């Protein structure tokens, strides 16, 4: 399975590709998409849409895993991150790619086993799990790889916990 992990943002959007084969995870490519701060919000979102669409077409992931929103003290920040998430979700939907969202707590638990892990602990675990020579920079890329790893560790569990169609039909009668 090819998983594109995304750490959303309008100014900087981290992305990372993780290959999951029989429970073994390896890193593909990763990076950070940036938008021009001198442009208007609609222009920046349009640029972000074009960049993420190009990335989706190039990578052809089986799934897009995206960090979910959490509480922000700054209301302007949450609005901009929400807008970036919307652009990513739309682009993935248009390419018929399944998406999953993970909260910061889920990501911390999946990658470190500890829900109060700090950013440095998460980044070091990403480096260790993916056997990288150093922590990917900027931080947004390491965060995106953590989101992709979270999906790799949890999507099988989600599939196993869903009732099968045959079981649903039996339950109706």
C-alpha atoms as a PDB file:
ATOM      1  CA  UNK A   1       0.000   0.000   0.000  1.00  0.00           C
ATOM      2  CA  UNK A   2       1.209   3.486  -0.876  1.00  0.00           C
ATOM      3  CA  UNK A   3       0.201   6.048   1.734  1.00  0.00           C
ATOM      4  CA  UNK A   4       0.515   9.802   1.339  1.00  0.00           C
ATOM      5  CA  UNK A   5       0.624  11.456   4.745  1.00  0.00           C
ATOM      6  CA  UNK A   6      -0.224  15.159   4.965  1.00  0.00           C
ATOM      7  CA  UNK A   7       0.366  17.773   7.639  1.00  0.00           C
ATOM      8  CA  UNK A   8      -1.984  20.515   6.396  1.00  0.00           C
ATOM      9  CA  UNK A   9      -1.284  24.211   6.273  1.00  0.00           C
ATOM     10  CA  UNK A  10      -1.737  27.093   3.861  1.00  0.00           C
ATOM     11  CA  UNK A  11       1.755  28.586   4.185  1.00  0.00           C
ATOM     12  CA  UNK A  12       3.512  25.202   4.441  1.00  0.00           C
ATOM     13  CA  UNK A  13       2.065  21.765   3.819  1.00  0.00           C
ATOM     14  CA  UNK A  14       4.205  18.791   4.784  1.00  0.00           C
ATOM     15  CA  UNK A  15       3.830  15.555   2.836  1.00  0.00           C
ATOM     16  CA  UNK A  16       5.433  12.152   3.009  1.00  0.00           C
ATOM     17  CA  UNK A  17       5.047   8.814   1.269  1.00  0.00           C
ATOM     18  CA  UNK A  18       5.206   5.560   3.201  1.00  0.00           C
ATOM     19  CA  UNK A  19       5.085   2.143   1.572  1.00  0.00           C
ATOM     20  CA  UNK A  20       3.444  -0.524   3.715  1.00  0.00           C
ATOM     21  CA  UNK A  21       4.154  -4.054   2.538  1.00  0.00           C
ATOM     22  CA  UNK A  22       3.134  -6.952   4.770  1.00  0.00           C
ATOM     23  CA  UNK A  23       3.468  -4.815   7.888  1.00  0.00           C
ATOM     24  CA  UNK A  24       6.860  -3.385   6.966  1.00  0.00           C
ATOM     25  CA  UNK A  25       7.059   0.352   6.392  1.00  0.00           C
ATOM     26  CA  UNK A  26       9.595   2.079   4.182  1.00  0.00           C
ATOM     27  CA  UNK A  27       9.868   5.694   3.175  1.00  0.00           C
ATOM     28  CA  UNK A  28       9.267   6.954  -0.322  1.00  0.00           C
ATOM     29  CA  UNK A  29       9.635  10.623  -1.057  1.00  0.00           C
ATOM     30  CA  UNK A  30       8.766  13.548   1.204  1.00  0.00           C
ATOM     31  CA  UNK A  31       8.790  17.292   1.170  1.00  0.00           C
ATOM     32  CA  UNK A  32       6.993  20.522   1.872  1.00  0.00           C
ATOM     33  CA  UNK A  33       4.717  22.553  -0.382  1.00  0.00           C
ATOM     34  CA  UNK A  34       4.818  26.295   0.211  1.00  0.00           C
ATOM     35  CA  UNK A  35       2.643  29.119  -1.027  1.00  0.00           C
ATOM     36  CA  UNK A  36       3.577  32.722  -1.752  1.00  0.00           C
ATOM     37  CA  UNK A  37       2.764  34.894   1.274  1.00  0.00           C
ATOM     38  CA  UNK A  38       2.235  37.949  -0.928  1.00  0.00           C
ATOM     39  CA  UNK A  39      -0.798  36.327  -2.605  1.00  0.00           C
ATOM     40  CA  UNK A  40      -4.389  36.482  -1.379  1.00  0.00           C
ATOM     41  CA  UNK A  41      -5.908  33.551   0.527  1.00  0.00           C
ATOM     42  CA  UNK A  42      -7.966  32.378  -2.476  1.00  0.00           C
ATOM     43  CA  UNK A  43      -4.856  32.481  -4.691  1.00  0.00           C
ATOM     44  CA  UNK A  44      -2.819  30.564  -2.114  1.00  0.00           C
ATOM     45  CA  UNK A  45      -5.541  27.912  -1.793  1.00  0.00           C
ATOM     46  CA  UNK A  46      -5.711  27.654  -5.587  1.00  0.00           C
ATOM     47  CA  UNK A  47      -1.934  27.200  -5.753  1.00  0.00           C
ATOM     48  CA  UNK A  48      -2.074  24.620  -2.983  1.00  0.00           C
ATOM     49  CA  UNK A  49      -4.826  22.746  -4.827  1.00  0.00           C
ATOM     50  CA  UNK A  50      -2.759  22.636  -8.034  1.00  0.00           C
ATOM     51  CA  UNK A  51       0.343  21.470  -6.162  1.00  0.00           C
ATOM     52  CA  UNK A  52      -1.437  18.724  -4.207  1.00  0.00           C
ATOM     53  CA  UNK A  53      -3.259  17.562  -7.340  1.00  0.00           C
ATOM     54  CA  UNK A  54       0.058  17.303  -9.200  1.00  0.00           C
ATOM     55  CA  UNK A  55       1.514  15.363  -6.259  1.00  0.00           C
ATOM     56  CA  UNK A  56      -1.455  12.959  -6.153  1.00  0.00           C
ATOM     57  CA  UNK A  57      -1.167  12.293  -9.881  1.00  0.00           C
ATOM     58  CA  UNK A  58       2.580  11.686  -9.598  1.00  0.00           C
ATOM     59  CA  UNK A  59       2.501   9.429  -6.514  1.00  0.00           C
ATOM     60  CA  UNK A  60      -0.827   7.671  -7.166  1.00  0.00           C
ATOM     61  CA  UNK A  61      -1.301   6.729  -3.504  1.00  0.00           C
ATOM     62  CA  UNK A  62      -3.753   4.077  -2.370  1.00  0.00           C
ATOM     63  CA  UNK A  63      -4.699   6.284   0.577  1.00  0.00           C
ATOM     64  CA  UNK A  64      -4.252   9.828   1.831  1.00  0.00           C
ATOM     65  CA  UNK A  65      -3.851  10.201   5.587  1.00  0.00           C
ATOM     66  CA  UNK A  66      -4.276  13.706   6.918  1.00  0.00           C
ATOM     67  CA  UNK A  67      -3.821  15.211  10.343  1.00  0.00           C
ATOM     68  CA  UNK A  68      -7.135  16.208  11.853  1.00  0.00           C
ATOM     69  CA  UNK A  69      -7.799  19.574  13.411  1.00  0.00           C
ATOM     70  CA  UNK A  70      -7.240  20.097  17.069  1.00  0.00           C
ATOM     71  CA  UNK A  71      -7.803  23.039  19.349  1.00  0.00           C
ATOM     72  CA  UNK A  72      -5.883  26.169  18.361  1.00  0.00           C
ATOM     73  CA  UNK A  73      -5.561  29.230  20.542  1.00  0.00           C
ATOM     74  CA  UNK A  74      -5.373  31.382  17.422  1.00  0.00           C
ATOM     75  CA  UNK A  75      -8.686  31.348  15.515  1.00  0.00           C
ATOM     76  CA  UNK A  76      -7.030  32.612  12.327  1.00  0.00           C
ATOM     77  CA  UNK A  77      -4.725  29.587  12.337  1.00  0.00           C
ATOM     78  CA  UNK A  78      -7.536  27.062  12.669  1.00  0.00           C
ATOM     79  CA  UNK A  79      -9.447  28.671   9.795  1.00  0.00           C
ATOM     80  CA  UNK A  80      -6.429  28.556   7.471  1.00  0.00           C
ATOM     81  CA  UNK A  81      -5.619  24.942   8.392  1.00  0.00           C
ATOM     82  CA  UNK A  82      -9.285  24.023   7.865  1.00  0.00           C
ATOM     83  CA  UNK A  83      -9.215  25.590   4.430  1.00  0.00           C
ATOM     84  CA  UNK A  84      -6.036  23.689   3.517  1.00  0.00           C
ATOM     85  CA  UNK A  85      -7.605  20.428   4.740  1.00  0.00           C
ATOM     86  CA  UNK A  86     -10.641  21.107   2.567  1.00  0.00           C
ATOM     87  CA  UNK A  87      -8.469  21.602  -0.506  1.00  0.00           C
ATOM     88  CA  UNK A  88      -6.595  18.338   0.183  1.00  0.00           C
ATOM     89  CA  UNK A  89      -9.786  16.366   0.802  1.00  0.00           C
ATOM     90  CA  UNK A  90     -11.348  17.745  -2.381  1.00  0.00           C
ATOM     91  CA  UNK A  91      -8.292  16.915  -4.502  1.00  0.00           C
ATOM     92  CA  UNK A  92      -8.139  13.355  -3.117  1.00  0.00           C
ATOM     93  CA  UNK A  93     -11.887  12.883  -3.627  1.00  0.00           C
ATOM     94  CA  UNK A  94     -11.647  14.041  -7.236  1.00  0.00           C
ATOM     95  CA  UNK A  95      -8.873  11.490  -7.810  1.00  0.00           C
ATOM     96  CA  UNK A  96     -11.021   8.798  -6.129  1.00  0.00           C
ATOM     97  CA  UNK A  97      -8.443   8.227  -3.388  1.00  0.00           C
ATOM     98  CA  UNK A  98      -9.644   7.145   0.051  1.00  0.00           C
ATOM     99  CA  UNK A  99      -8.826   9.535   2.877  1.00  0.00           C
ATOM    100  CA  UNK A 100      -8.475   9.033   6.605  1.00  0.00           C
ATOM    101  CA  UNK A 101      -8.031  11.647   9.306  1.00  0.00           C
ATOM    102  CA  UNK A 102      -6.073  11.182  12.515  1.00  0.00           C
ATOM    103  CA  UNK A 103      -5.990  13.393  15.584  1.00  0.00           C
ATOM    104  CA  UNK A 104      -2.683  14.456  17.131  1.00  0.00           C
ATOM    105  CA  UNK A 105      -3.392  12.053  20.025  1.00  0.00           C
ATOM    106  CA  UNK A 106      -3.906   9.126  17.624  1.00  0.00           C
ATOM    107  CA  UNK A 107      -0.671   9.994  15.816  1.00  0.00           C
ATOM    108  CA  UNK A 108       1.309  10.226  19.046  1.00  0.00           C
ATOM    109  CA  UNK A 109      -0.099   6.915  20.285  1.00  0.00           C
ATOM    110  CA  UNK A 110       0.516   5.104  16.996  1.00  0.00           C
ATOM    111  CA  UNK A 111       4.068   6.342  16.475  1.00  0.00           C
ATOM    112  CA  UNK A 112       5.411   6.538  20.043  1.00  0.00           C
ATOM    113  CA  UNK A 113       2.921   4.584  22.158  1.00  0.00           C
ATOM    114  CA  UNK A 114       2.548   7.643  24.389  1.00  0.00           C
ATOM    115  CA  UNK A 115      -0.277  10.171  23.994  1.00  0.00           C
ATOM    116  CA  UNK A 116       1.677  13.043  25.496  1.00  0.00           C
ATOM    117  CA  UNK A 117       4.782  12.610  23.374  1.00  0.00           C
ATOM    118  CA  UNK A 118       6.402  15.851  22.321  1.00  0.00           C
ATOM    119  CA  UNK A 119       7.318  16.827  18.784  1.00  0.00           C
ATOM    120  CA  UNK A 120      10.943  15.725  19.218  1.00  0.00           C
ATOM    121  CA  UNK A 121       9.919  12.236  20.416  1.00  0.00           C
ATOM    122  CA  UNK A 122       7.602  11.800  17.431  1.00  0.00           C
ATOM    123  CA  UNK A 123      10.242  12.953  14.975  1.00  0.00           C
ATOM    124  CA  UNK A 124      12.867  10.632  16.460  1.00  0.00           C
ATOM    125  CA  UNK A 125      10.480   7.689  16.199  1.00  0.00           C
ATOM    126  CA  UNK A 126       9.747   8.555  12.545  1.00  0.00           C
ATOM    127  CA  UNK A 127      13.498   8.560  11.921  1.00  0.00           C
ATOM    128  CA  UNK A 128      13.926   5.217  13.722  1.00  0.00           C
ATOM    129  CA  UNK A 129      10.920   3.400  12.230  1.00  0.00           C
ATOM    130  CA  UNK A 130      11.744   4.472   8.676  1.00  0.00           C
ATOM    131  CA  UNK A 131      15.510   3.977   9.183  1.00  0.00           C
ATOM    132  CA  UNK A 132      16.313   7.524   8.080  1.00  0.00           C
ATOM    133  CA  UNK A 133      19.795   9.003   8.571  1.00  0.00           C
ATOM    134  CA  UNK A 134      18.307  12.146  10.127  1.00  0.00           C
ATOM    135  CA  UNK A 135      14.991  13.725  11.050  1.00  0.00           C
ATOM    136  CA  UNK A 136      13.331  15.123   7.904  1.00  0.00           C
ATOM    137  CA  UNK A 137      13.212  18.908   7.722  1.00  0.00           C
ATOM    138  CA  UNK A 138      11.222  21.064   7.937  1.00  0.00           C
ATOM    139  CA  UNK A 139       9.165  19.708  10.830  1.00  0.00           C
ATOM    140  CA  UNK A 140       6.066  19.584   8.607  1.00  0.00           C
ATOM    141  CA  UNK A 141       7.588  16.732   6.563  1.00  0.00           C
ATOM    142  CA  UNK A 142       8.412  14.630   9.622  1.00  0.00           C
ATOM    143  CA  UNK A 143       4.866  15.259  10.883  1.00  0.00           C
ATOM    144  CA  UNK A 144       3.433  14.136   7.532  1.00  0.00           C
ATOM    145  CA  UNK A 145       5.458  10.912   7.671  1.00  0.00           C
ATOM    146  CA  UNK A 146       4.103  10.333  11.195  1.00  0.00           C
ATOM    147  CA  UNK A 147       0.552  10.679   9.824  1.00  0.00           C
ATOM    148  CA  UNK A 148       1.328   8.162   7.056  1.00  0.00           C
ATOM    149  CA  UNK A 149       2.799   5.731   9.606  1.00  0.00           C
ATOM    150  CA  UNK A 150      -0.316   6.110  11.744  1.00  0.00           C
ATOM    151  CA  UNK A 151      -2.418   5.031   8.790  1.00  0.00           C
ATOM    152  CA  UNK A 152      -0.103   2.095   8.084  1.00  0.00           C
ATOM    153  CA  UNK A 153      -0.419   0.948  11.696  1.00  0.00           C
ATOM    154  CA  UNK A 154      -4.190   1.391  11.980  1.00  0.00           C
ATOM    155  CA  UNK A 155      -5.934   0.841   8.629  1.00  0.00           C
ATOM    156  CA  UNK A 156      -5.835  -2.948   8.968  1.00  0.00           C
ATOM    157  CA  UNK A 157      -7.392  -2.705  12.427  1.00  0.00           C
ATOM    158  CA  UNK A 158     -10.158  -0.484  11.060  1.00  0.00           C
ATOM    159  CA  UNK A 159     -10.883  -2.965   8.268  1.00  0.00           C
ATOM    160  CA  UNK A 160     -11.005  -5.860  10.714  1.00  0.00           C
ATOM    161  CA  UNK A 161     -13.414  -4.034  13.013  1.00  0.00           C
ATOM    162  CA  UNK A 162     -15.914  -3.228  10.239  1.00  0.00           C
ATOM    163  CA  UNK A 163     -18.741  -5.730   9.905  1.00  0.00           C
ATOM    164  CA  UNK A 164     -18.751  -7.666   6.665  1.00  0.00           C
ATOM    165  CA  UNK A 165     -21.734  -7.294   4.311  1.00  0.00           C
ATOM    166  CA  UNK A 166     -22.726 -10.944   4.834  1.00  0.00           C
ATOM    167  CA  UNK A 167     -22.801 -10.410   8.606  1.00  0.00           C
ATOM    168  CA  UNK A 168     -24.959  -7.308   8.169  1.00  0.00           C
ATOM    169  CA  UNK A 169     -27.416  -9.252   6.006  1.00  0.00           C
ATOM    170  CA  UNK A 170     -27.601 -12.065   8.599  1.00  0.00           C
ATOM    171  CA  UNK A 171     -28.255  -9.548  11.387  1.00  0.00           C
ATOM    172  CA  UNK A 172     -31.250  -8.122   9.503  1.00  0.00           C
ATOM    173  CA  UNK A 173     -33.130 -11.443   9.536  1.00  0.00           C
END
